[in-house]
Amino acid sequence: MKTLSISCDDCVMVSTQACDGCVVSFICDREPDDAVIVDAAQERALRALGAVGLLPPLLHQACS
């Protein structure tokens, strides 16, 4: 099963105001250095919630 892994350490937006509205920060109460793993079913649910405006969009932008 394919999963999506998001780590703040990999985001070019880390420590900016974008973190305040990030879906990862919105959903999870976590330590700043902890990665959040979302499986395919959870990703589908997040997309569905986001599509109807119940969650902010994902702001993560991977470093190149």
PDB file of N, CA and C in Angstrom:
ATOM      1  N   MET A   1       0.845  -1.177   0.000  1.00  0.00           N
ATOM      2  CA  MET A   1       0.000   0.000   0.000  1.00  0.00           C
ATOM      3  C   MET A   1       0.883   1.231   0.000  1.00  0.00           C
ATOM      4  N   LYS A   2       0.575   2.164  -0.874  1.00  0.00           N
ATOM      5  CA  LYS A   2       1.324   3.413  -0.966  1.00  0.00           C
ATOM      6  C   LYS A   2       0.845   4.388   0.096  1.00  0.00           C
ATOM      7  N   THR A   3       1.777   5.049   0.773  1.00  0.00           N
ATOM      8  CA  THR A   3       1.430   6.060   1.766  1.00  0.00           C
ATOM      9  C   THR A   3       2.118   7.373   1.417  1.00  0.00           C
ATOM     10  N   LEU A   4       1.583   8.451   1.920  1.00  0.00           N
ATOM     11  CA  LEU A   4       2.149   9.778   1.752  1.00  0.00           C
ATOM     12  C   LEU A   4       2.769  10.172   3.084  1.00  0.00           C
ATOM     13  N   SER A   5       4.042  10.517   3.079  1.00  0.00           N
ATOM     14  CA  SER A   5       4.740  10.921   4.291  1.00  0.00           C
ATOM     15  C   SER A   5       5.073  12.408   4.186  1.00  0.00           C
ATOM     16  N   ILE A   6       4.678  13.172   5.201  1.00  0.00           N
ATOM     17  CA  ILE A   6       4.950  14.607   5.230  1.00  0.00           C
ATOM     18  C   ILE A   6       5.735  14.920   6.493  1.00  0.00           C
ATOM     19  N   SER A   7       6.867  15.550   6.317  1.00  0.00           N
ATOM     20  CA  SER A   7       7.689  15.973   7.441  1.00  0.00           C
ATOM     21  C   SER A   7       7.937  17.465   7.312  1.00  0.00           C
ATOM     22  N   CYS A   8       7.790  18.180   8.386  1.00  0.00           N
ATOM     23  CA  CYS A   8       8.057  19.616   8.361  1.00  0.00           C
ATOM     24  C   CYS A   8       9.507  19.898   7.971  1.00  0.00           C
ATOM     25  N   ASP A   9      10.400  18.960   8.278  1.00  0.00           N
ATOM     26  CA  ASP A   9      11.808  19.127   7.926  1.00  0.00           C
ATOM     27  C   ASP A   9      12.008  19.173   6.417  1.00  0.00           C
ATOM     28  N   ASP A  10      11.070  18.612   5.641  1.00  0.00           N
ATOM     29  CA  ASP A  10      11.175  18.561   4.191  1.00  0.00           C
ATOM     30  C   ASP A  10      10.405  19.684   3.508  1.00  0.00           C
ATOM     31  N   CYS A  11       9.789  20.573   4.263  1.00  0.00           N
ATOM     32  CA  CYS A  11       8.918  21.603   3.698  1.00  0.00           C
ATOM     33  C   CYS A  11       9.637  22.944   3.607  1.00  0.00           C
ATOM     34  N   VAL A  12       9.539  23.583   2.447  1.00  0.00           N
ATOM     35  CA  VAL A  12      10.160  24.899   2.287  1.00  0.00           C
ATOM     36  C   VAL A  12       9.393  25.983   3.042  1.00  0.00           C
ATOM     37  N   MET A  13       8.201  25.662   3.504  1.00  0.00           N
ATOM     38  CA  MET A  13       7.367  26.625   4.220  1.00  0.00           C
ATOM     39  C   MET A  13       7.538  26.525   5.740  1.00  0.00           C
ATOM     40  N   VAL A  14       8.431  25.649   6.226  1.00  0.00           N
ATOM     41  CA  VAL A  14       8.597  25.427   7.653  1.00  0.00           C
ATOM     42  C   VAL A  14       8.921  26.735   8.385  1.00  0.00           C
ATOM     43  N   SER A  15       8.322  26.895   9.546  1.00  0.00           N
ATOM     44  CA  SER A  15       8.526  28.064  10.412  1.00  0.00           C
ATOM     45  C   SER A  15       8.049  29.361   9.782  1.00  0.00           C
ATOM     46  N   THR A  16       7.042  29.277   8.912  1.00  0.00           N
ATOM     47  CA  THR A  16       6.429  30.469   8.343  1.00  0.00           C
ATOM     48  C   THR A  16       4.976  30.518   8.811  1.00  0.00           C
ATOM     49  N   GLN A  17       4.271  31.565   8.437  1.00  0.00           N
ATOM     50  CA  GLN A  17       2.860  31.671   8.797  1.00  0.00           C
ATOM     51  C   GLN A  17       2.022  30.586   8.141  1.00  0.00           C
ATOM     52  N   ALA A  18       2.534  29.947   7.089  1.00  0.00           N
ATOM     53  CA  ALA A  18       1.806  28.862   6.426  1.00  0.00           C
ATOM     54  C   ALA A  18       1.554  27.710   7.388  1.00  0.00           C
ATOM     55  N   CYS A  19       2.412  27.521   8.369  1.00  0.00           N
ATOM     56  CA  CYS A  19       2.248  26.435   9.346  1.00  0.00           C
ATOM     57  C   CYS A  19       0.939  26.577  10.125  1.00  0.00           C
ATOM     58  N   ASP A  20       0.495  27.798  10.347  1.00  0.00           N
ATOM     59  CA  ASP A  20      -0.742  28.026  11.104  1.00  0.00           C
ATOM     60  C   ASP A  20      -1.961  27.451  10.405  1.00  0.00           C
ATOM     61  N   GLY A  21      -1.952  27.398   9.079  1.00  0.00           N
ATOM     62  CA  GLY A  21      -3.083  26.886   8.329  1.00  0.00           C
ATOM     63  C   GLY A  21      -2.827  25.545   7.678  1.00  0.00           C
ATOM     64  N   CYS A  22      -1.714  24.923   7.981  1.00  0.00           N
ATOM     65  CA  CYS A  22      -1.346  23.651   7.360  1.00  0.00           C
ATOM     66  C   CYS A  22      -2.268  22.541   7.857  1.00  0.00           C
ATOM     67  N   VAL A  23      -2.742  21.696   6.939  1.00  0.00           N
ATOM     68  CA  VAL A  23      -3.641  20.606   7.320  1.00  0.00           C
ATOM     69  C   VAL A  23      -2.973  19.654   8.306  1.00  0.00           C
ATOM     70  N   VAL A  24      -1.680  19.477   8.192  1.00  0.00           N
ATOM     71  CA  VAL A  24      -0.970  18.604   9.132  1.00  0.00           C
ATOM     72  C   VAL A  24      -1.042  19.185  10.536  1.00  0.00           C
ATOM     73  N   SER A  25      -0.764  20.480  10.665  1.00  0.00           N
ATOM     74  CA  SER A  25      -0.853  21.132  11.976  1.00  0.00           C
ATOM     75  C   SER A  25      -2.290  21.168  12.475  1.00  0.00           C
ATOM     76  N   PHE A  26      -3.226  21.329  11.555  1.00  0.00           N
ATOM     77  CA  PHE A  26      -4.641  21.414  11.898  1.00  0.00           C
ATOM     78  C   PHE A  26      -5.156  20.097  12.488  1.00  0.00           C
ATOM     79  N   ILE A  27      -4.728  18.988  11.961  1.00  0.00           N
ATOM     80  CA  ILE A  27      -5.240  17.677  12.363  1.00  0.00           C
ATOM     81  C   ILE A  27      -4.467  17.073  13.530  1.00  0.00           C
ATOM     82  N   CYS A  28      -3.182  17.243  13.536  1.00  0.00           N
ATOM     83  CA  CYS A  28      -2.337  16.499  14.485  1.00  0.00           C
ATOM     84  C   CYS A  28      -1.684  17.411  15.514  1.00  0.00           C
ATOM     85  N   ASP A  29      -1.765  17.021  16.748  1.00  0.00           N
ATOM     86  CA  ASP A  29      -1.029  17.702  17.811  1.00  0.00           C
ATOM     87  C   ASP A  29       0.259  16.907  17.959  1.00  0.00           C
ATOM     88  N   ARG A  30       1.337  17.445  17.457  1.00  0.00           N
ATOM     89  CA  ARG A  30       2.587  16.693  17.392  1.00  0.00           C
ATOM     90  C   ARG A  30       3.767  17.588  17.722  1.00  0.00           C
ATOM     91  N   GLU A  31       4.887  16.956  17.943  1.00  0.00           N
ATOM     92  CA  GLU A  31       6.138  17.681  18.123  1.00  0.00           C
ATOM     93  C   GLU A  31       6.613  18.165  16.753  1.00  0.00           C
ATOM     94  N   PRO A  32       7.300  19.322  16.669  1.00  0.00           N
ATOM     95  CA  PRO A  32       7.711  19.866  15.371  1.00  0.00           C
ATOM     96  C   PRO A  32       8.577  18.937  14.516  1.00  0.00           C
ATOM     97  N   ASP A  33       9.357  18.059  15.117  1.00  0.00           N
ATOM     98  CA  ASP A  33      10.245  17.198  14.348  1.00  0.00           C
ATOM     99  C   ASP A  33       9.637  15.842  13.997  1.00  0.00           C
ATOM    100  N   ASP A  34       8.401  15.572  14.408  1.00  0.00           N
ATOM    101  CA  ASP A  34       7.751  14.293  14.132  1.00  0.00           C
ATOM    102  C   ASP A  34       7.074  14.317  12.767  1.00  0.00           C
ATOM    103  N   ALA A  35       7.300  13.265  11.984  1.00  0.00           N
ATOM    104  CA  ALA A  35       6.625  13.127  10.693  1.00  0.00           C
ATOM    105  C   ALA A  35       5.202  12.627  10.931  1.00  0.00           C
ATOM    106  N   VAL A  36       4.308  12.940  10.016  1.00  0.00           N
ATOM    107  CA  VAL A  36       2.933  12.462  10.061  1.00  0.00           C
ATOM    108  C   VAL A  36       2.737  11.556   8.860  1.00  0.00           C
ATOM    109  N   ILE A  37       2.299  10.328   9.097  1.00  0.00           N
ATOM    110  CA  ILE A  37       2.078   9.365   8.034  1.00  0.00           C
ATOM    111  C   ILE A  37       0.575   9.212   7.816  1.00  0.00           C
ATOM    112  N   VAL A  38       0.126   9.402   6.588  1.00  0.00           N
ATOM    113  CA  VAL A  38      -1.285   9.287   6.231  1.00  0.00           C
ATOM    114  C   VAL A  38      -1.420   8.174   5.207  1.00  0.00           C
ATOM    115  N   ASP A  39      -2.247   7.160   5.510  1.00  0.00           N
ATOM    116  CA  ASP A  39      -2.415   6.067   4.542  1.00  0.00           C
ATOM    117  C   ASP A  39      -3.417   6.478   3.462  1.00  0.00           C
ATOM    118  N   ALA A  40      -3.597   5.629   2.455  1.00  0.00           N
ATOM    119  CA  ALA A  40      -4.435   5.958   1.302  1.00  0.00           C
ATOM    120  C   ALA A  40      -5.878   6.254   1.704  1.00  0.00           C
ATOM    121  N   ALA A  41      -6.444   5.476   2.609  1.00  0.00           N
ATOM    122  CA  ALA A  41      -7.829   5.702   3.044  1.00  0.00           C
ATOM    123  C   ALA A  41      -7.953   7.046   3.762  1.00  0.00           C
ATOM    124  N   GLN A  42      -6.982   7.371   4.593  1.00  0.00           N
ATOM    125  CA  GLN A  42      -7.005   8.648   5.301  1.00  0.00           C
ATOM    126  C   GLN A  42      -6.838   9.808   4.316  1.00  0.00           C
ATOM    127  N   GLU A  43      -5.980   9.617   3.325  1.00  0.00           N
ATOM    128  CA  GLU A  43      -5.783  10.667   2.318  1.00  0.00           C
ATOM    129  C   GLU A  43      -7.084  10.926   1.550  1.00  0.00           C
ATOM    130  N   ARG A  44      -7.796   9.876   1.186  1.00  0.00           N
ATOM    131  CA  ARG A  44      -9.079  10.035   0.498  1.00  0.00           C
ATOM    132  C   ARG A  44     -10.068  10.807   1.376  1.00  0.00           C
ATOM    133  N   ALA A  45     -10.094  10.474   2.661  1.00  0.00           N
ATOM    134  CA  ALA A  45     -10.996  11.173   3.584  1.00  0.00           C
ATOM    135  C   ALA A  45     -10.606  12.646   3.706  1.00  0.00           C
ATOM    136  N   LEU A  46      -9.318  12.932   3.810  1.00  0.00           N
ATOM    137  CA  LEU A  46      -8.857  14.315   3.902  1.00  0.00           C
ATOM    138  C   LEU A  46      -9.202  15.097   2.639  1.00  0.00           C
ATOM    139  N   ARG A  47      -9.028  14.462   1.480  1.00  0.00           N
ATOM    140  CA  ARG A  47      -9.372  15.131   0.208  1.00  0.00           C
ATOM    141  C   ARG A  47     -10.871  15.431   0.155  1.00  0.00           C
ATOM    142  N   ALA A  48     -11.678  14.475   0.601  1.00  0.00           N
ATOM    143  CA  ALA A  48     -13.134  14.673   0.593  1.00  0.00           C
ATOM    144  C   ALA A  48     -13.524  15.813   1.529  1.00  0.00           C
ATOM    145  N   LEU A  49     -12.945  15.856   2.718  1.00  0.00           N
ATOM    146  CA  LEU A  49     -13.225  16.940   3.664  1.00  0.00           C
ATOM    147  C   LEU A  49     -12.755  18.287   3.116  1.00  0.00           C
ATOM    148  N   GLY A  50     -11.577  18.284   2.502  1.00  0.00           N
ATOM    149  CA  GLY A  50     -11.047  19.515   1.924  1.00  0.00           C
ATOM    150  C   GLY A  50     -11.869  20.006   0.750  1.00  0.00           C
ATOM    151  N   ALA A  51     -12.391  19.079  -0.045  1.00  0.00           N
ATOM    152  CA  ALA A  51     -13.169  19.445  -1.231  1.00  0.00           C
ATOM    153  C   ALA A  51     -14.443  20.203  -0.878  1.00  0.00           C
ATOM    154  N   VAL A  52     -14.977  19.962   0.301  1.00  0.00           N
ATOM    155  CA  VAL A  52     -16.199  20.657   0.713  1.00  0.00           C
ATOM    156  C   VAL A  52     -15.912  21.786   1.702  1.00  0.00           C
ATOM    157  N   GLY A  53     -14.620  22.114   1.868  1.00  0.00           N
ATOM    158  CA  GLY A  53     -14.245  23.254   2.687  1.00  0.00           C
ATOM    159  C   GLY A  53     -14.164  23.003   4.184  1.00  0.00           C
ATOM    160  N   LEU A  54     -14.143  21.733   4.599  1.00  0.00           N
ATOM    161  CA  LEU A  54     -14.072  21.433   6.032  1.00  0.00           C
ATOM    162  C   LEU A  54     -12.648  21.381   6.570  1.00  0.00           C
ATOM    163  N   LEU A  55     -11.675  21.369   5.690  1.00  0.00           N
ATOM    164  CA  LEU A  55     -10.260  21.415   6.078  1.00  0.00           C
ATOM    165  C   LEU A  55      -9.546  22.431   5.206  1.00  0.00           C
ATOM    166  N   PRO A  56      -8.523  23.088   5.745  1.00  0.00           N
ATOM    167  CA  PRO A  56      -7.715  23.982   4.901  1.00  0.00           C
ATOM    168  C   PRO A  56      -6.897  23.140   3.934  1.00  0.00           C
ATOM    169  N   PRO A  57      -6.437  23.723   2.828  1.00  0.00           N
ATOM    170  CA  PRO A  57      -5.636  22.965   1.866  1.00  0.00           C
ATOM    171  C   PRO A  57      -4.259  22.624   2.437  1.00  0.00           C
ATOM    172  N   LEU A  58      -3.649  21.583   1.898  1.00  0.00           N
ATOM    173  CA  LEU A  58      -2.292  21.197   2.285  1.00  0.00           C
ATOM    174  C   LEU A  58      -1.326  22.246   1.782  1.00  0.00           C
ATOM    175  N   LEU A  59      -0.517  22.802   2.650  1.00  0.00           N
ATOM    176  CA  LEU A  59       0.421  23.855   2.290  1.00  0.00           C
ATOM    177  C   LEU A  59       1.854  23.350   2.162  1.00  0.00           C
ATOM    178  N   HIS A  60       2.070  22.074   2.460  1.00  0.00           N
ATOM    179  CA  HIS A  60       3.412  21.491   2.405  1.00  0.00           C
ATOM    180  C   HIS A  60       3.977  21.606   1.002  1.00  0.00           C
ATOM    181  N   GLN A  61       5.197  22.086   0.919  1.00  0.00           N
ATOM    182  CA  GLN A  61       5.919  22.155  -0.361  1.00  0.00           C
ATOM    183  C   GLN A  61       7.293  21.543  -0.133  1.00  0.00           C
ATOM    184  N   ALA A  62       7.532  20.399  -0.738  1.00  0.00           N
ATOM    185  CA  ALA A  62       8.802  19.697  -0.532  1.00  0.00           C
ATOM    186  C   ALA A  62       9.973  20.512  -1.063  1.00  0.00           C
ATOM    187  N   CYS A  63      11.080  20.447  -0.340  1.00  0.00           N
ATOM    188  CA  CYS A  63      12.305  21.105  -0.785  1.00  0.00           C
ATOM    189  C   CYS A  63      12.778  20.415  -2.056  1.00  0.00           C
ATOM    190  N   SER A  64      13.324  21.170  -2.963  1.00  0.00           N
ATOM    191  CA  SER A  64      13.805  20.557  -4.214  1.00  0.00           C
ATOM    192  C   SER A  64      15.269  20.227  -4.153  1.00  0.00           C
TER     193      SER A  64
END
